[in-house]
Amino acid sequence: MLTGLGELMISEVKAFLFGIFAGLVGCYRGLTVKGGPKGVGDAVNETVVYAFICLFVINVVMTAIGVRVLVKH
């Protein structure tokens, strides 16, 4: 078998963190928007960029942690 319990746990933690951080970024940018309709459009674009960067960093960090943990076993 190519995957085991360790890979499953890492992927579950990553999915949880992705959901939490994407939701938090979206909520924060949505609740602090100013400037009417143009501000909403700008906030949506910023949310996409910030969420992408945040999720990329989380993915790199969690993958590095997962590789270290799984290699030890």
N, C-alpha and C. Protein backbone atom coordinates (compact mmCIF):
# COMPACT_ATOMS: atom_id res chain seq x y z
N MET A 1 0.84 -1.18 0.00
CA MET A 1 0.00 0.00 0.00
C MET A 1 0.89 1.24 0.00
N LEU A 2 0.59 2.20 -0.86
CA LEU A 2 1.43 3.39 -0.99
C LEU A 2 1.14 4.45 0.06
N THR A 3 -0.04 4.42 0.63
CA THR A 3 -0.38 5.40 1.67
C THR A 3 -0.78 4.67 2.93
N GLY A 4 -0.61 5.36 4.01
CA GLY A 4 -0.97 4.78 5.28
C GLY A 4 -1.68 5.79 6.16
N LEU A 5 -1.75 5.47 7.42
CA LEU A 5 -2.43 6.34 8.37
C LEU A 5 -1.73 7.69 8.50
N GLY A 6 -0.41 7.71 8.41
CA GLY A 6 0.33 8.96 8.52
C GLY A 6 -0.02 9.94 7.42
N GLU A 7 -0.07 9.46 6.17
CA GLU A 7 -0.43 10.31 5.04
C GLU A 7 -1.86 10.80 5.17
N LEU A 8 -2.74 9.93 5.65
CA LEU A 8 -4.14 10.32 5.83
C LEU A 8 -4.26 11.42 6.87
N MET A 9 -3.56 11.29 7.97
CA MET A 9 -3.63 12.31 9.03
C MET A 9 -3.07 13.65 8.55
N ILE A 10 -1.95 13.62 7.84
CA ILE A 10 -1.38 14.86 7.31
C ILE A 10 -2.36 15.53 6.36
N SER A 11 -2.98 14.76 5.48
CA SER A 11 -3.92 15.36 4.53
C SER A 11 -5.17 15.90 5.23
N GLU A 12 -5.61 15.25 6.28
CA GLU A 12 -6.76 15.75 7.04
C GLU A 12 -6.43 17.07 7.75
N VAL A 13 -5.26 17.15 8.34
CA VAL A 13 -4.84 18.38 9.01
C VAL A 13 -4.69 19.51 7.99
N LYS A 14 -4.10 19.21 6.84
CA LYS A 14 -3.94 20.23 5.80
C LYS A 14 -5.31 20.71 5.31
N ALA A 15 -6.24 19.81 5.09
CA ALA A 15 -7.57 20.21 4.63
C ALA A 15 -8.27 21.08 5.67
N PHE A 16 -8.13 20.72 6.94
CA PHE A 16 -8.72 21.52 8.02
C PHE A 16 -8.12 22.93 8.04
N LEU A 17 -6.79 23.01 7.97
CA LEU A 17 -6.14 24.32 8.00
C LEU A 17 -6.47 25.14 6.76
N PHE A 18 -6.55 24.50 5.61
CA PHE A 18 -6.93 25.22 4.38
C PHE A 18 -8.31 25.85 4.55
N GLY A 19 -9.25 25.08 5.04
CA GLY A 19 -10.61 25.59 5.23
C GLY A 19 -10.68 26.72 6.23
N ILE A 20 -10.00 26.55 7.35
CA ILE A 20 -10.01 27.59 8.38
C ILE A 20 -9.40 28.88 7.86
N PHE A 21 -8.21 28.80 7.28
CA PHE A 21 -7.53 30.02 6.85
C PHE A 21 -8.21 30.67 5.66
N ALA A 22 -8.70 29.91 4.71
CA ALA A 22 -9.42 30.51 3.57
C ALA A 22 -10.68 31.21 4.06
N GLY A 23 -11.39 30.60 4.99
CA GLY A 23 -12.58 31.22 5.56
C GLY A 23 -12.27 32.47 6.35
N LEU A 24 -11.20 32.43 7.15
CA LEU A 24 -10.83 33.59 7.94
C LEU A 24 -10.40 34.77 7.07
N VAL A 25 -9.63 34.49 6.04
CA VAL A 25 -9.20 35.56 5.13
C VAL A 25 -10.42 36.17 4.44
N GLY A 26 -11.31 35.34 3.95
CA GLY A 26 -12.52 35.83 3.29
C GLY A 26 -13.41 36.64 4.22
N CYS A 27 -13.59 36.15 5.43
CA CYS A 27 -14.42 36.88 6.40
C CYS A 27 -13.79 38.21 6.78
N TYR A 28 -12.50 38.21 7.03
CA TYR A 28 -11.83 39.45 7.42
C TYR A 28 -11.93 40.49 6.31
N ARG A 29 -11.61 40.10 5.09
CA ARG A 29 -11.65 41.06 3.98
C ARG A 29 -13.09 41.50 3.70
N GLY A 30 -14.05 40.61 3.86
CA GLY A 30 -15.44 40.97 3.63
C GLY A 30 -16.00 41.91 4.68
N LEU A 31 -15.56 41.74 5.92
CA LEU A 31 -16.07 42.58 7.00
C LEU A 31 -15.38 43.93 7.10
N THR A 32 -14.23 44.09 6.48
CA THR A 32 -13.50 45.35 6.58
C THR A 32 -13.49 46.12 5.26
N VAL A 33 -14.36 45.76 4.33
CA VAL A 33 -14.38 46.42 3.02
C VAL A 33 -14.96 47.82 3.14
N LYS A 34 -14.38 48.74 2.39
CA LYS A 34 -14.86 50.12 2.33
C LYS A 34 -14.82 50.57 0.88
N GLY A 35 -15.62 51.54 0.53
CA GLY A 35 -15.55 52.10 -0.81
C GLY A 35 -16.65 51.66 -1.75
N GLY A 36 -17.72 51.11 -1.23
CA GLY A 36 -18.85 50.74 -2.08
C GLY A 36 -18.56 49.56 -2.99
N PRO A 37 -19.22 49.52 -4.14
CA PRO A 37 -19.07 48.38 -5.05
C PRO A 37 -17.63 48.18 -5.53
N LYS A 38 -16.92 49.27 -5.78
CA LYS A 38 -15.53 49.14 -6.21
C LYS A 38 -14.69 48.53 -5.09
N GLY A 39 -14.96 48.93 -3.86
CA GLY A 39 -14.25 48.36 -2.72
C GLY A 39 -14.51 46.88 -2.56
N VAL A 40 -15.74 46.46 -2.85
CA VAL A 40 -16.07 45.03 -2.76
C VAL A 40 -15.29 44.25 -3.82
N GLY A 41 -15.24 44.78 -5.03
CA GLY A 41 -14.47 44.11 -6.09
C GLY A 41 -13.00 44.01 -5.75
N ASP A 42 -12.45 45.11 -5.21
CA ASP A 42 -11.04 45.09 -4.81
C ASP A 42 -10.81 44.10 -3.67
N ALA A 43 -11.75 44.05 -2.72
CA ALA A 43 -11.61 43.13 -1.59
C ALA A 43 -11.65 41.68 -2.06
N VAL A 44 -12.49 41.39 -3.04
CA VAL A 44 -12.56 40.02 -3.57
C VAL A 44 -11.23 39.64 -4.21
N ASN A 45 -10.68 40.54 -5.01
CA ASN A 45 -9.38 40.26 -5.64
C ASN A 45 -8.29 40.08 -4.60
N GLU A 46 -8.27 40.93 -3.59
CA GLU A 46 -7.27 40.81 -2.52
C GLU A 46 -7.46 39.51 -1.75
N THR A 47 -8.71 39.12 -1.53
CA THR A 47 -8.98 37.88 -0.82
C THR A 47 -8.42 36.68 -1.56
N VAL A 48 -8.60 36.66 -2.86
CA VAL A 48 -8.08 35.55 -3.67
C VAL A 48 -6.56 35.49 -3.56
N VAL A 49 -5.91 36.63 -3.68
CA VAL A 49 -4.44 36.67 -3.62
C VAL A 49 -3.95 36.28 -2.23
N TYR A 50 -4.53 36.88 -1.19
CA TYR A 50 -4.09 36.58 0.18
C TYR A 50 -4.34 35.11 0.54
N ALA A 51 -5.50 34.60 0.14
CA ALA A 51 -5.81 33.20 0.44
C ALA A 51 -4.85 32.26 -0.29
N PHE A 52 -4.54 32.56 -1.54
CA PHE A 52 -3.60 31.73 -2.29
C PHE A 52 -2.23 31.71 -1.62
N ILE A 53 -1.74 32.87 -1.23
CA ILE A 53 -0.43 32.95 -0.57
C ILE A 53 -0.46 32.20 0.75
N CYS A 54 -1.50 32.42 1.52
CA CYS A 54 -1.63 31.76 2.83
C CYS A 54 -1.68 30.24 2.67
N LEU A 55 -2.47 29.76 1.74
CA LEU A 55 -2.59 28.32 1.54
C LEU A 55 -1.31 27.71 0.98
N PHE A 56 -0.61 28.46 0.15
CA PHE A 56 0.67 27.97 -0.36
C PHE A 56 1.67 27.79 0.79
N VAL A 57 1.74 28.78 1.68
CA VAL A 57 2.67 28.70 2.82
C VAL A 57 2.28 27.54 3.73
N ILE A 58 0.99 27.40 4.01
CA ILE A 58 0.53 26.29 4.86
C ILE A 58 0.89 24.95 4.21
N ASN A 59 0.71 24.84 2.91
CA ASN A 59 1.02 23.60 2.22
C ASN A 59 2.50 23.27 2.31
N VAL A 60 3.36 24.25 2.11
CA VAL A 60 4.81 24.02 2.19
C VAL A 60 5.20 23.59 3.59
N VAL A 61 4.71 24.30 4.60
CA VAL A 61 5.07 23.99 5.98
C VAL A 61 4.55 22.61 6.39
N MET A 62 3.28 22.34 6.09
CA MET A 62 2.72 21.05 6.49
C MET A 62 3.35 19.88 5.73
N THR A 63 3.72 20.09 4.49
CA THR A 63 4.40 19.04 3.74
C THR A 63 5.77 18.77 4.32
N ALA A 64 6.49 19.82 4.69
CA ALA A 64 7.81 19.64 5.31
C ALA A 64 7.69 18.90 6.63
N ILE A 65 6.70 19.27 7.43
CA ILE A 65 6.49 18.58 8.70
C ILE A 65 6.10 17.12 8.44
N GLY A 66 5.20 16.90 7.49
CA GLY A 66 4.76 15.55 7.18
C GLY A 66 5.88 14.66 6.69
N VAL A 67 6.74 15.19 5.85
CA VAL A 67 7.87 14.41 5.34
C VAL A 67 8.79 14.03 6.49
N ARG A 68 9.07 14.97 7.37
CA ARG A 68 9.95 14.66 8.50
C ARG A 68 9.34 13.61 9.42
N VAL A 69 8.06 13.74 9.70
CA VAL A 69 7.40 12.79 10.59
C VAL A 69 7.32 11.41 9.95
N LEU A 70 6.97 11.37 8.67
CA LEU A 70 6.77 10.08 8.01
C LEU A 70 8.08 9.37 7.70
N VAL A 71 9.16 10.11 7.48
CA VAL A 71 10.46 9.49 7.19
C VAL A 71 11.01 8.82 8.44
N LYS A 72 10.70 9.35 9.61
CA LYS A 72 11.20 8.76 10.86
C LYS A 72 10.61 7.39 11.12
N HIS A 73 9.43 7.12 10.56
CA HIS A 73 8.79 5.82 10.81
C HIS A 73 9.25 4.81 9.85
